[in-house]
Amino acid sequence: MSVAYDPSSRFEIKTWDTEFRRIPTRALMARVYQPQGAGLFPVLLDLHGGAWNNQDQTANAMMDEALAKSGILVVAIDLTRAPEAPYPASIQDANYGVRWLKQRAREWNGDPATIGALGSSSGGHEIELCAMRPHDPYYCVHKLAEAPDLDAIFETIVRMKDTLNDKRANEVADKAFHVAVAHASGNAMMAEIVGGVWDRRHGAMWEKIEEHFHTPRLREASIADHQSIFTALAGHDPEAASSQMKKHIERVIAEFGKAW
């Protein structure tokens, strides 16, 4: 289903609060503003301001309501405040919030592939840091309890980016991605087969292929493919995940042909 946005549209909205993460002192809440319609709607994450010290998910309520009435699924999240925990606690909340919303968006007729974010005042600073380093392990410390397989896949992409110029470590992370995807399918035999096939890539033929494949350009292409597959899986969109995996395989096969 395609996503189209017309800012002149007007929808009734449903608004409610839900817990999105728990810290030692309290529950961090998210306020959902859901347009009442078939969707899919574009998705917006709102990070409130408050000079890093106060405010909560209700700070931008008037703006969030107006945006939702125009046909955007808006979700405003509360963040750990500086008196509760120092940097990077609030950035870690925001990073988690992005991943959490991608996972939940389809439940509320939102398209996770369209997710954007706004931040007011200090919230703008927090989402800017997230955007600058979205895969930084320092910011990605909170795992999605509902989706451990997704976190495992996500971590392999982070590792591939971190080892872009290290051939052997990058190959290990590449293998881990494909094994993690197989595990996420719930098919233990498939995971074993994928890992086994990877471990049998030896000999003169594979050495020649590796000479061609292990360049920064092709490693970056694989990371981009993996990211597209992950986005589809995080959005609970099996058709898109299958399509992105097929594109990845077709690109790799085409590169195999160039390696001879």
C-alpha atoms as a PDB file:
ATOM      1  CA  MET A   1       0.000   0.000   0.000  1.00  0.00           C
ATOM      2  CA  SER A   2       1.462   3.362  -1.033  1.00  0.00           C
ATOM      3  CA  VAL A   3       1.778   6.332   1.273  1.00  0.00           C
ATOM      4  CA  ALA A   4       0.486   9.690   0.121  1.00  0.00           C
ATOM      5  CA  TYR A   5       0.378  12.849   2.199  1.00  0.00           C
ATOM      6  CA  ASP A   6      -1.869  15.821   1.503  1.00  0.00           C
ATOM      7  CA  PRO A   7      -1.435  18.535   4.154  1.00  0.00           C
ATOM      8  CA  SER A   8      -4.898  19.884   3.370  1.00  0.00           C
ATOM      9  CA  SER A   9      -6.503  16.595   4.469  1.00  0.00           C
ATOM     10  CA  ARG A  10      -8.421  16.452   7.728  1.00  0.00           C
ATOM     11  CA  PHE A  11      -8.753  13.340   9.887  1.00  0.00           C
ATOM     12  CA  GLU A  12     -10.264  12.548  13.229  1.00  0.00           C
ATOM     13  CA  ILE A  13      -7.514  11.392  15.572  1.00  0.00           C
ATOM     14  CA  LYS A  14      -7.207   9.000  18.494  1.00  0.00           C
ATOM     15  CA  THR A  15      -4.772   9.968  21.247  1.00  0.00           C
ATOM     16  CA  TRP A  16      -3.419   7.867  24.085  1.00  0.00           C
ATOM     17  CA  ASP A  17      -0.307   7.301  26.200  1.00  0.00           C
ATOM     18  CA  THR A  18       1.668   4.057  26.283  1.00  0.00           C
ATOM     19  CA  GLU A  19       4.884   3.016  28.010  1.00  0.00           C
ATOM     20  CA  PHE A  20       7.793   2.753  25.603  1.00  0.00           C
ATOM     21  CA  ARG A  21      10.704   2.220  27.994  1.00  0.00           C
ATOM     22  CA  ARG A  22      11.338   1.893  31.723  1.00  0.00           C
ATOM     23  CA  ILE A  23      14.220   3.510  33.583  1.00  0.00           C
ATOM     24  CA  PRO A  24      15.118   2.882  37.258  1.00  0.00           C
ATOM     25  CA  THR A  25      13.022   5.774  38.559  1.00  0.00           C
ATOM     26  CA  ARG A  26       9.933   5.693  36.326  1.00  0.00           C
ATOM     27  CA  ALA A  27       8.288   4.651  33.087  1.00  0.00           C
ATOM     28  CA  LEU A  28       9.027   6.719  29.999  1.00  0.00           C
ATOM     29  CA  MET A  29       5.773   7.302  28.167  1.00  0.00           C
ATOM     30  CA  ALA A  30       4.902   7.839  24.520  1.00  0.00           C
ATOM     31  CA  ARG A  31       1.852   9.796  23.398  1.00  0.00           C
ATOM     32  CA  VAL A  32       0.394   8.437  20.173  1.00  0.00           C
ATOM     33  CA  TYR A  33      -1.641  10.656  17.834  1.00  0.00           C
ATOM     34  CA  GLN A  34      -3.211   8.281  15.319  1.00  0.00           C
ATOM     35  CA  PRO A  35      -5.219   9.526  12.313  1.00  0.00           C
ATOM     36  CA  GLN A  36      -8.415   7.523  11.962  1.00  0.00           C
ATOM     37  CA  GLY A  37      -8.239   6.121   8.470  1.00  0.00           C
ATOM     38  CA  ALA A  38      -7.014   3.159   6.464  1.00  0.00           C
ATOM     39  CA  GLY A  39      -3.487   4.511   6.020  1.00  0.00           C
ATOM     40  CA  LEU A  40      -0.737   3.840   5.576  1.00  0.00           C
ATOM     41  CA  PHE A  41       0.269   7.178   7.081  1.00  0.00           C
ATOM     42  CA  PRO A  42       3.730   8.766   7.177  1.00  0.00           C
ATOM     43  CA  VAL A  43       5.317   8.579  10.629  1.00  0.00           C
ATOM     44  CA  LEU A  44       6.826  11.322  12.778  1.00  0.00           C
ATOM     45  CA  LEU A  45       8.714  10.959  16.063  1.00  0.00           C
ATOM     46  CA  ASP A  46       8.556  14.033  18.324  1.00  0.00           C
ATOM     47  CA  LEU A  47      11.295  14.759  20.880  1.00  0.00           C
ATOM     48  CA  HIS A  48      10.325  17.464  23.354  1.00  0.00           C
ATOM     49  CA  GLY A  49      12.480  20.326  24.580  1.00  0.00           C
ATOM     50  CA  GLY A  50      13.020  21.508  28.137  1.00  0.00           C
ATOM     51  CA  ALA A  51      16.706  22.447  28.264  1.00  0.00           C
ATOM     52  CA  TRP A  52      17.557  18.760  28.852  1.00  0.00           C
ATOM     53  CA  ASN A  53      16.055  19.142  32.367  1.00  0.00           C
ATOM     54  CA  ASN A  54      12.246  19.174  32.180  1.00  0.00           C
ATOM     55  CA  GLN A  55       9.118  18.788  30.011  1.00  0.00           C
ATOM     56  CA  ASP A  56       7.683  15.490  28.762  1.00  0.00           C
ATOM     57  CA  GLN A  57       5.821  13.896  25.856  1.00  0.00           C
ATOM     58  CA  THR A  58       2.958  16.403  26.146  1.00  0.00           C
ATOM     59  CA  ALA A  59       5.109  19.494  25.501  1.00  0.00           C
ATOM     60  CA  ASN A  60       4.182  19.835  21.812  1.00  0.00           C
ATOM     61  CA  ALA A  61       0.616  18.553  22.094  1.00  0.00           C
ATOM     62  CA  MET A  62      -1.032  21.323  20.044  1.00  0.00           C
ATOM     63  CA  MET A  63       1.455  20.950  17.188  1.00  0.00           C
ATOM     64  CA  ASP A  64       1.334  17.142  17.299  1.00  0.00           C
ATOM     65  CA  GLU A  65      -2.468  17.139  17.175  1.00  0.00           C
ATOM     66  CA  ALA A  66      -2.482  19.467  14.163  1.00  0.00           C
ATOM     67  CA  LEU A  67       0.039  17.311  12.323  1.00  0.00           C
ATOM     68  CA  ALA A  68      -1.900  14.130  13.087  1.00  0.00           C
ATOM     69  CA  LYS A  69      -5.153  15.691  11.856  1.00  0.00           C
ATOM     70  CA  SER A  70      -3.441  16.342   8.528  1.00  0.00           C
ATOM     71  CA  GLY A  71      -2.684  12.630   8.138  1.00  0.00           C
ATOM     72  CA  ILE A  72       0.583  11.906   9.936  1.00  0.00           C
ATOM     73  CA  LEU A  73       1.019   9.261  12.624  1.00  0.00           C
ATOM     74  CA  VAL A  74       2.765  11.304  15.326  1.00  0.00           C
ATOM     75  CA  VAL A  75       4.369   9.717  18.373  1.00  0.00           C
ATOM     76  CA  ALA A  76       5.879  11.955  21.058  1.00  0.00           C
ATOM     77  CA  ILE A  77       8.219  10.292  23.553  1.00  0.00           C
ATOM     78  CA  ASP A  78       9.453  11.300  26.979  1.00  0.00           C
ATOM     79  CA  LEU A  79      13.205  11.270  27.600  1.00  0.00           C
ATOM     80  CA  THR A  80      15.422  10.767  30.614  1.00  0.00           C
ATOM     81  CA  ARG A  81      16.182  14.199  32.080  1.00  0.00           C
ATOM     82  CA  ALA A  82      19.623  15.455  33.098  1.00  0.00           C
ATOM     83  CA  PRO A  83      18.891  15.347  36.858  1.00  0.00           C
ATOM     84  CA  GLU A  84      18.012  11.644  36.441  1.00  0.00           C
ATOM     85  CA  ALA A  85      21.075  10.607  34.419  1.00  0.00           C
ATOM     86  CA  PRO A  86      23.801  12.463  32.496  1.00  0.00           C
ATOM     87  CA  TYR A  87      24.656  12.315  28.800  1.00  0.00           C
ATOM     88  CA  PRO A  88      24.169  10.152  26.820  1.00  0.00           C
ATOM     89  CA  ALA A  89      21.051   8.824  28.596  1.00  0.00           C
ATOM     90  CA  SER A  90      18.552  10.972  26.696  1.00  0.00           C
ATOM     91  CA  ILE A  91      20.274  10.242  23.360  1.00  0.00           C
ATOM     92  CA  GLN A  92      20.063   6.534  24.120  1.00  0.00           C
ATOM     93  CA  ASP A  93      16.329   6.965  24.784  1.00  0.00           C
ATOM     94  CA  ALA A  94      15.901   8.763  21.474  1.00  0.00           C
ATOM     95  CA  ASN A  95      17.870   6.125  19.564  1.00  0.00           C
ATOM     96  CA  TYR A  96      15.743   3.415  21.133  1.00  0.00           C
ATOM     97  CA  GLY A  97      12.623   5.447  20.373  1.00  0.00           C
ATOM     98  CA  VAL A  98      13.385   5.484  16.659  1.00  0.00           C
ATOM     99  CA  ARG A  99      13.803   1.708  16.561  1.00  0.00           C
ATOM    100  CA  TRP A 100      10.789   1.144  18.823  1.00  0.00           C
ATOM    101  CA  LEU A 101       8.563   3.294  16.611  1.00  0.00           C
ATOM    102  CA  LYS A 102       9.733   1.524  13.465  1.00  0.00           C
ATOM    103  CA  GLN A 103       8.655  -1.719  15.092  1.00  0.00           C
ATOM    104  CA  ARG A 104       5.260  -0.434  16.259  1.00  0.00           C
ATOM    105  CA  ALA A 105       4.251   1.878  13.409  1.00  0.00           C
ATOM    106  CA  ARG A 106       2.252  -0.651  11.388  1.00  0.00           C
ATOM    107  CA  GLU A 107       0.082  -1.456  14.406  1.00  0.00           C
ATOM    108  CA  TRP A 108      -1.124   2.156  14.178  1.00  0.00           C
ATOM    109  CA  ASN A 109      -1.444   2.278  10.367  1.00  0.00           C
ATOM    110  CA  GLY A 110       1.900   4.005   9.899  1.00  0.00           C
ATOM    111  CA  ASP A 111       4.576   3.200   7.342  1.00  0.00           C
ATOM    112  CA  PRO A 112       7.902   2.664   9.167  1.00  0.00           C
ATOM    113  CA  ALA A 113       9.843   3.278   5.971  1.00  0.00           C
ATOM    114  CA  THR A 114       8.728   6.933   6.037  1.00  0.00           C
ATOM    115  CA  ILE A 115       9.739   7.744   9.606  1.00  0.00           C
ATOM    116  CA  GLY A 116      11.023  11.235  10.262  1.00  0.00           C
ATOM    117  CA  ALA A 117      11.694  13.151  13.454  1.00  0.00           C
ATOM    118  CA  LEU A 118      11.297  16.615  14.882  1.00  0.00           C
ATOM    119  CA  GLY A 119      12.865  18.005  18.003  1.00  0.00           C
ATOM    120  CA  SER A 120      12.106  21.264  19.727  1.00  0.00           C
ATOM    121  CA  SER A 121      14.883  23.114  21.557  1.00  0.00           C
ATOM    122  CA  SER A 122      17.022  20.521  23.383  1.00  0.00           C
ATOM    123  CA  GLY A 123      15.009  17.805  21.644  1.00  0.00           C
ATOM    124  CA  GLY A 124      16.409  19.109  18.367  1.00  0.00           C
ATOM    125  CA  HIS A 125      19.919  18.684  19.729  1.00  0.00           C
ATOM    126  CA  GLU A 126      19.143  15.144  20.861  1.00  0.00           C
ATOM    127  CA  ILE A 127      17.698  13.987  17.550  1.00  0.00           C
ATOM    128  CA  GLU A 128      20.570  15.684  15.694  1.00  0.00           C
ATOM    129  CA  LEU A 129      23.071  13.583  17.634  1.00  0.00           C
ATOM    130  CA  CYS A 130      21.030  10.474  16.825  1.00  0.00           C
ATOM    131  CA  ALA A 131      21.031  11.354  13.133  1.00  0.00           C
ATOM    132  CA  MET A 132      24.777  11.994  13.087  1.00  0.00           C
ATOM    133  CA  ARG A 133      25.633   8.623  14.654  1.00  0.00           C
ATOM    134  CA  PRO A 134      22.569   6.370  14.385  1.00  0.00           C
ATOM    135  CA  HIS A 135      24.539   3.131  14.705  1.00  0.00           C
ATOM    136  CA  ASP A 136      27.009   4.178  17.372  1.00  0.00           C
ATOM    137  CA  PRO A 137      27.196   1.389  19.993  1.00  0.00           C
ATOM    138  CA  TYR A 138      27.341   4.098  22.665  1.00  0.00           C
ATOM    139  CA  TYR A 139      23.827   5.203  21.647  1.00  0.00           C
ATOM    140  CA  CYS A 140      22.383   1.766  20.761  1.00  0.00           C
ATOM    141  CA  VAL A 141      22.694   0.218  24.230  1.00  0.00           C
ATOM    142  CA  HIS A 142      18.973  -0.388  24.825  1.00  0.00           C
ATOM    143  CA  LYS A 143      17.682  -3.526  23.163  1.00  0.00           C
ATOM    144  CA  LEU A 144      14.185  -4.110  21.880  1.00  0.00           C
ATOM    145  CA  ALA A 145      12.938  -6.837  24.209  1.00  0.00           C
ATOM    146  CA  GLU A 146      10.109  -7.629  21.789  1.00  0.00           C
ATOM    147  CA  ALA A 147      12.507  -8.075  18.894  1.00  0.00           C
ATOM    148  CA  PRO A 148      15.842  -9.590  19.933  1.00  0.00           C
ATOM    149  CA  ASP A 149      16.382 -10.953  16.437  1.00  0.00           C
ATOM    150  CA  LEU A 150      16.095  -7.446  14.994  1.00  0.00           C
ATOM    151  CA  ASP A 151      18.673  -6.143  17.432  1.00  0.00           C
ATOM    152  CA  ALA A 152      21.010  -8.989  16.469  1.00  0.00           C
ATOM    153  CA  ILE A 153      20.625  -8.109  12.786  1.00  0.00           C
ATOM    154  CA  PHE A 154      21.074  -4.417  13.519  1.00  0.00           C
ATOM    155  CA  GLU A 155      24.316  -5.093  15.406  1.00  0.00           C
ATOM    156  CA  THR A 156      25.808  -6.918  12.407  1.00  0.00           C
ATOM    157  CA  ILE A 157      25.189  -3.850  10.238  1.00  0.00           C
ATOM    158  CA  VAL A 158      26.911  -1.667  12.827  1.00  0.00           C
ATOM    159  CA  ARG A 159      29.868  -4.067  12.839  1.00  0.00           C
ATOM    160  CA  MET A 160      30.100  -4.010   9.036  1.00  0.00           C
ATOM    161  CA  LYS A 161      30.230  -0.217   9.060  1.00  0.00           C
ATOM    162  CA  ASP A 162      32.857  -0.200  11.799  1.00  0.00           C
ATOM    163  CA  THR A 163      35.057  -2.681   9.902  1.00  0.00           C
ATOM    164  CA  LEU A 164      34.710  -1.246   6.416  1.00  0.00           C
ATOM    165  CA  ASN A 165      38.480  -1.214   5.879  1.00  0.00           C
ATOM    166  CA  ASP A 166      39.197  -4.498   7.659  1.00  0.00           C
ATOM    167  CA  LYS A 167      38.608  -7.292   5.142  1.00  0.00           C
ATOM    168  CA  ARG A 168      38.514 -10.225   7.548  1.00  0.00           C
ATOM    169  CA  ALA A 169      36.454  -8.566  10.291  1.00  0.00           C
ATOM    170  CA  ASN A 170      34.024  -7.225   7.703  1.00  0.00           C
ATOM    171  CA  GLU A 171      33.552 -10.690   6.240  1.00  0.00           C
ATOM    172  CA  VAL A 172      32.801 -12.073   9.719  1.00  0.00           C
ATOM    173  CA  ALA A 173      30.161  -9.381  10.235  1.00  0.00           C
ATOM    174  CA  ASP A 174      28.726 -10.062   6.764  1.00  0.00           C
ATOM    175  CA  LYS A 175      28.339 -13.737   7.596  1.00  0.00           C
ATOM    176  CA  ALA A 176      26.761 -12.825  10.959  1.00  0.00           C
ATOM    177  CA  PHE A 177      24.131 -10.741   9.147  1.00  0.00           C
ATOM    178  CA  HIS A 178      22.985 -13.616   6.947  1.00  0.00           C
ATOM    179  CA  VAL A 179      22.993 -16.091   9.828  1.00  0.00           C
ATOM    180  CA  ALA A 180      21.016 -13.633  12.005  1.00  0.00           C
ATOM    181  CA  VAL A 181      18.411 -13.175   9.259  1.00  0.00           C
ATOM    182  CA  ALA A 182      18.096 -16.955   8.964  1.00  0.00           C
ATOM    183  CA  HIS A 183      17.673 -17.235  12.761  1.00  0.00           C
ATOM    184  CA  ALA A 184      15.002 -14.517  12.668  1.00  0.00           C
ATOM    185  CA  SER A 185      12.985 -16.664  10.253  1.00  0.00           C
ATOM    186  CA  GLY A 186      12.669 -19.258  13.012  1.00  0.00           C
ATOM    187  CA  ASN A 187      14.284 -21.882  10.793  1.00  0.00           C
ATOM    188  CA  ALA A 188      17.251 -23.316  12.723  1.00  0.00           C
ATOM    189  CA  MET A 189      18.161 -25.609   9.818  1.00  0.00           C
ATOM    190  CA  MET A 190      18.370 -22.631   7.457  1.00  0.00           C
ATOM    191  CA  ALA A 191      20.678 -20.813   9.875  1.00  0.00           C
ATOM    192  CA  GLU A 192      22.919 -23.877  10.041  1.00  0.00           C
ATOM    193  CA  ILE A 193      22.999 -24.222   6.258  1.00  0.00           C
ATOM    194  CA  VAL A 194      23.819 -20.536   5.746  1.00  0.00           C
ATOM    195  CA  GLY A 195      26.656 -20.681   8.266  1.00  0.00           C
ATOM    196  CA  GLY A 196      27.952 -23.960   6.850  1.00  0.00           C
ATOM    197  CA  VAL A 197      27.990 -22.747   3.259  1.00  0.00           C
ATOM    198  CA  TRP A 198      29.821 -19.597   4.331  1.00  0.00           C
ATOM    199  CA  ASP A 199      32.481 -21.648   6.145  1.00  0.00           C
ATOM    200  CA  ARG A 200      33.122 -23.749   3.030  1.00  0.00           C
ATOM    201  CA  ARG A 201      34.149 -20.829   0.851  1.00  0.00           C
ATOM    202  CA  HIS A 202      37.765 -21.875   0.306  1.00  0.00           C
ATOM    203  CA  GLY A 203      40.082 -22.521  -2.606  1.00  0.00           C
ATOM    204  CA  ALA A 204      41.436 -20.677  -5.623  1.00  0.00           C
ATOM    205  CA  MET A 205      38.000 -19.779  -6.993  1.00  0.00           C
ATOM    206  CA  TRP A 206      36.938 -18.066  -3.767  1.00  0.00           C
ATOM    207  CA  GLU A 207      40.267 -16.282  -3.462  1.00  0.00           C
ATOM    208  CA  LYS A 208      39.738 -14.772  -6.911  1.00  0.00           C
ATOM    209  CA  ILE A 209      36.173 -13.783  -6.058  1.00  0.00           C
ATOM    210  CA  GLU A 210      37.290 -12.205  -2.786  1.00  0.00           C
ATOM    211  CA  GLU A 211      39.883 -10.109  -4.612  1.00  0.00           C
ATOM    212  CA  HIS A 212      37.007  -8.577  -6.544  1.00  0.00           C
ATOM    213  CA  PHE A 213      34.453  -8.363  -3.734  1.00  0.00           C
ATOM    214  CA  HIS A 214      36.488  -6.976  -0.880  1.00  0.00           C
ATOM    215  CA  THR A 215      36.699  -3.363  -1.912  1.00  0.00           C
ATOM    216  CA  PRO A 216      35.207  -0.430   0.030  1.00  0.00           C
ATOM    217  CA  ARG A 217      32.753   0.218  -2.799  1.00  0.00           C
ATOM    218  CA  LEU A 218      31.285  -3.280  -2.761  1.00  0.00           C
ATOM    219  CA  ARG A 219      31.324  -3.507   1.019  1.00  0.00           C
ATOM    220  CA  GLU A 220      29.375  -0.242   1.177  1.00  0.00           C
ATOM    221  CA  ALA A 221      26.907  -1.659  -1.380  1.00  0.00           C
ATOM    222  CA  SER A 222      26.376  -4.718   0.824  1.00  0.00           C
ATOM    223  CA  ILE A 223      25.807  -2.540   3.874  1.00  0.00           C
ATOM    224  CA  ALA A 224      23.203  -0.530   1.960  1.00  0.00           C
ATOM    225  CA  ASP A 225      21.467  -3.759   0.896  1.00  0.00           C
ATOM    226  CA  HIS A 226      21.520  -5.069   4.448  1.00  0.00           C
ATOM    227  CA  GLN A 227      20.092  -1.806   5.767  1.00  0.00           C
ATOM    228  CA  SER A 228      17.176  -2.010   3.308  1.00  0.00           C
ATOM    229  CA  ILE A 229      16.472  -5.598   4.352  1.00  0.00           C
ATOM    230  CA  PHE A 230      16.605  -4.635   8.030  1.00  0.00           C
ATOM    231  CA  THR A 231      14.222  -1.694   7.507  1.00  0.00           C
ATOM    232  CA  ALA A 232      11.681  -3.997   5.874  1.00  0.00           C
ATOM    233  CA  LEU A 233      11.996  -6.593   8.649  1.00  0.00           C
ATOM    234  CA  ALA A 234      11.678  -3.898  11.332  1.00  0.00           C
ATOM    235  CA  GLY A 235       8.528  -2.691   9.604  1.00  0.00           C
ATOM    236  CA  HIS A 236       7.011  -6.196   9.676  1.00  0.00           C
ATOM    237  CA  ASP A 237       6.744  -6.092   5.889  1.00  0.00           C
ATOM    238  CA  PRO A 238       7.607  -9.600   4.618  1.00  0.00           C
ATOM    239  CA  GLU A 239       6.953  -8.696   0.978  1.00  0.00           C
ATOM    240  CA  ALA A 240       9.374  -5.785   1.107  1.00  0.00           C
ATOM    241  CA  ALA A 241      11.931  -7.886   3.007  1.00  0.00           C
ATOM    242  CA  SER A 242      11.704 -10.625   0.388  1.00  0.00           C
ATOM    243  CA  SER A 243      12.008  -8.071  -2.419  1.00  0.00           C
ATOM    244  CA  GLN A 244      15.060  -6.418  -0.846  1.00  0.00           C
ATOM    245  CA  MET A 245      16.726  -9.782  -0.220  1.00  0.00           C
ATOM    246  CA  LYS A 246      16.103 -10.757  -3.849  1.00  0.00           C
ATOM    247  CA  LYS A 247      17.677  -7.491  -5.036  1.00  0.00           C
ATOM    248  CA  HIS A 248      20.669  -8.158  -2.794  1.00  0.00           C
ATOM    249  CA  ILE A 249      21.150 -11.664  -4.177  1.00  0.00           C
ATOM    250  CA  GLU A 250      20.772 -10.464  -7.773  1.00  0.00           C
ATOM    251  CA  ARG A 251      23.377  -7.763  -7.223  1.00  0.00           C
ATOM    252  CA  VAL A 252      25.807 -10.269  -5.694  1.00  0.00           C
ATOM    253  CA  ILE A 253      25.265 -12.710  -8.580  1.00  0.00           C
ATOM    254  CA  ALA A 254      25.963  -9.897 -11.060  1.00  0.00           C
ATOM    255  CA  GLU A 255      29.185  -9.091  -9.212  1.00  0.00           C
ATOM    256  CA  PHE A 256      30.154 -12.780  -9.266  1.00  0.00           C
ATOM    257  CA  GLY A 257      29.991 -12.602 -13.058  1.00  0.00           C
ATOM    258  CA  LYS A 258      32.428  -9.690 -13.111  1.00  0.00           C
ATOM    259  CA  ALA A 259      34.909 -11.545 -10.915  1.00  0.00           C
ATOM    260  CA  TRP A 260      35.895 -14.180 -13.463  1.00  0.00           C
END
